[in-house]
């Protein structure tokens, strides 16, 4: 790893790593630094299918069990069922997946009205 990554002035130089390797390294650093909130924007998009599955099925649950708050941005609906909450932007409005009624999306406004 030392031949691909160097640290200088608190910054990682990782230009010889693939995009997927860079993302894995950044996630390891965030985990090691004990950050309570992780924002993972399309993190799994550059991972191979096997590691993508590991990420969603094993790594994210382990992070959650360790008390981390995870905001994962993804277009990969194969893993939506693993989330505590699924939100999307739809026509400029925030909508929430209502898992109890199948693949139904409710806008935040409609949800607030339903709650009374």
Protein backbone atom coordinates (compact mmCIF):
# COMPACT_ATOMS: atom_id res chain seq x y z
CA UNK A 1 0.00 0.00 0.00
CA UNK A 2 2.89 2.37 0.75
CA UNK A 3 3.86 2.33 -2.93
CA UNK A 4 0.39 3.64 -3.89
CA UNK A 5 -0.54 5.97 -1.03
CA UNK A 6 1.45 8.61 0.81
CA UNK A 7 0.56 11.07 3.54
CA UNK A 8 1.80 14.63 3.42
CA UNK A 9 0.55 17.60 5.47
CA UNK A 10 -2.38 15.50 6.66
CA UNK A 11 -3.51 14.76 3.10
CA UNK A 12 -3.56 11.38 1.38
CA UNK A 13 -2.03 11.15 -2.06
CA UNK A 14 -3.66 8.21 -3.79
CA UNK A 15 -3.50 8.93 -7.49
CA UNK A 16 -2.43 5.36 -8.33
CA UNK A 17 -5.54 3.82 -6.79
CA UNK A 18 -8.70 3.01 -8.69
CA UNK A 19 -11.87 4.94 -7.84
CA UNK A 20 -13.19 1.92 -5.94
CA UNK A 21 -9.93 1.61 -3.97
CA UNK A 22 -10.03 5.32 -3.12
CA UNK A 23 -13.56 4.98 -1.78
CA UNK A 24 -12.64 1.93 0.32
CA UNK A 25 -9.63 3.77 1.75
CA UNK A 26 -11.73 6.84 2.57
CA UNK A 27 -14.33 4.66 4.31
CA UNK A 28 -11.62 2.93 6.37
CA UNK A 29 -10.23 6.30 7.43
CA UNK A 30 -13.68 7.59 8.40
CA UNK A 31 -14.26 4.42 10.43
CA UNK A 32 -10.83 4.66 12.10
CA UNK A 33 -11.42 8.32 12.97
CA UNK A 34 -14.61 7.30 14.81
CA UNK A 35 -16.80 9.70 12.86
CA UNK A 36 -20.39 9.40 14.14
CA UNK A 37 -22.04 10.28 10.80
CA UNK A 38 -21.02 8.93 7.41
CA UNK A 39 -22.31 10.44 4.16
CA UNK A 40 -21.77 7.88 1.41
CA UNK A 41 -22.76 9.34 -1.95
CA UNK A 42 -23.00 6.54 -4.54
CA UNK A 43 -20.24 4.79 -2.60
CA UNK A 44 -20.95 1.34 -4.00
CA UNK A 45 -21.25 2.49 -7.63
CA UNK A 46 -17.53 1.93 -8.31
CA UNK A 47 -17.31 -1.39 -6.48
CA UNK A 48 -17.36 -4.80 -8.11
CA UNK A 49 -20.64 -6.75 -7.62
CA UNK A 50 -19.23 -8.97 -4.88
CA UNK A 51 -17.94 -6.08 -2.79
CA UNK A 52 -21.10 -4.06 -3.46
CA UNK A 53 -23.11 -6.93 -1.96
CA UNK A 54 -20.70 -7.13 1.01
CA UNK A 55 -21.01 -3.36 1.52
CA UNK A 56 -24.80 -3.35 1.72
CA UNK A 57 -25.39 -6.72 3.38
CA UNK A 58 -22.53 -6.78 5.90
CA UNK A 59 -20.53 -3.56 6.19
CA UNK A 60 -23.42 -1.09 6.56
CA UNK A 61 -25.17 -3.23 9.21
CA UNK A 62 -21.88 -3.46 11.12
CA UNK A 63 -21.46 0.32 11.00
CA UNK A 64 -25.06 0.74 12.19
CA UNK A 65 -24.46 -1.72 15.05
CA UNK A 66 -21.41 0.35 16.01
CA UNK A 67 -23.72 3.36 16.47
CA UNK A 68 -22.91 5.16 13.23
CA UNK A 69 -25.51 7.25 11.46
CA UNK A 70 -25.28 6.47 7.76
CA UNK A 71 -26.68 8.59 4.96
CA UNK A 72 -26.24 6.47 1.85
CA UNK A 73 -27.11 7.97 -1.52
CA UNK A 74 -27.81 5.28 -4.11
CA UNK A 75 -29.78 4.54 -7.25
CA UNK A 76 -29.40 0.80 -6.62
CA UNK A 77 -32.91 -0.19 -5.55
CA UNK A 78 -31.86 -3.81 -5.03
CA UNK A 79 -30.71 -2.80 -1.55
CA UNK A 80 -33.43 -0.33 -0.51
CA UNK A 81 -35.01 -2.99 1.72
CA UNK A 82 -31.96 -2.85 4.00
CA UNK A 83 -32.42 0.82 4.89
CA UNK A 84 -34.16 2.12 7.98
CA UNK A 85 -35.63 4.87 5.83
CA UNK A 86 -35.61 5.51 2.07
CA UNK A 87 -36.07 9.02 0.70
CA UNK A 88 -35.89 10.34 -2.85
CA UNK A 89 -36.17 13.63 -4.65
CA UNK A 90 -39.11 13.45 -7.04
CA UNK A 91 -39.88 16.49 -9.15
CA UNK A 92 -38.16 18.73 -6.63
CA UNK A 93 -40.10 17.26 -3.71
CA UNK A 94 -38.82 14.94 -1.05
CA UNK A 95 -40.69 11.64 -1.03
CA UNK A 96 -40.44 8.72 1.37
CA UNK A 97 -40.75 5.05 0.51
CA UNK A 98 -43.67 3.49 2.35
CA UNK A 99 -42.58 -0.13 2.64
CA UNK A 100 -45.83 -1.22 4.27
CA UNK A 101 -47.87 -0.65 1.12
CA UNK A 102 -45.46 -1.97 -1.48
CA UNK A 103 -43.49 0.26 -3.80
CA UNK A 104 -45.34 3.44 -2.86
CA UNK A 105 -43.77 6.85 -2.46
CA UNK A 106 -45.33 9.56 -0.35
CA UNK A 107 -44.24 13.17 -0.44
CA UNK A 108 -43.19 14.70 2.84
CA UNK A 109 -46.29 16.92 2.63
CA UNK A 110 -48.63 13.92 2.17
CA UNK A 111 -46.92 12.10 5.02
CA UNK A 112 -47.33 15.08 7.35
CA UNK A 113 -51.02 15.31 6.48
CA UNK A 114 -51.51 11.57 7.08
CA UNK A 115 -49.92 11.90 10.52
CA UNK A 116 -52.44 14.61 11.37
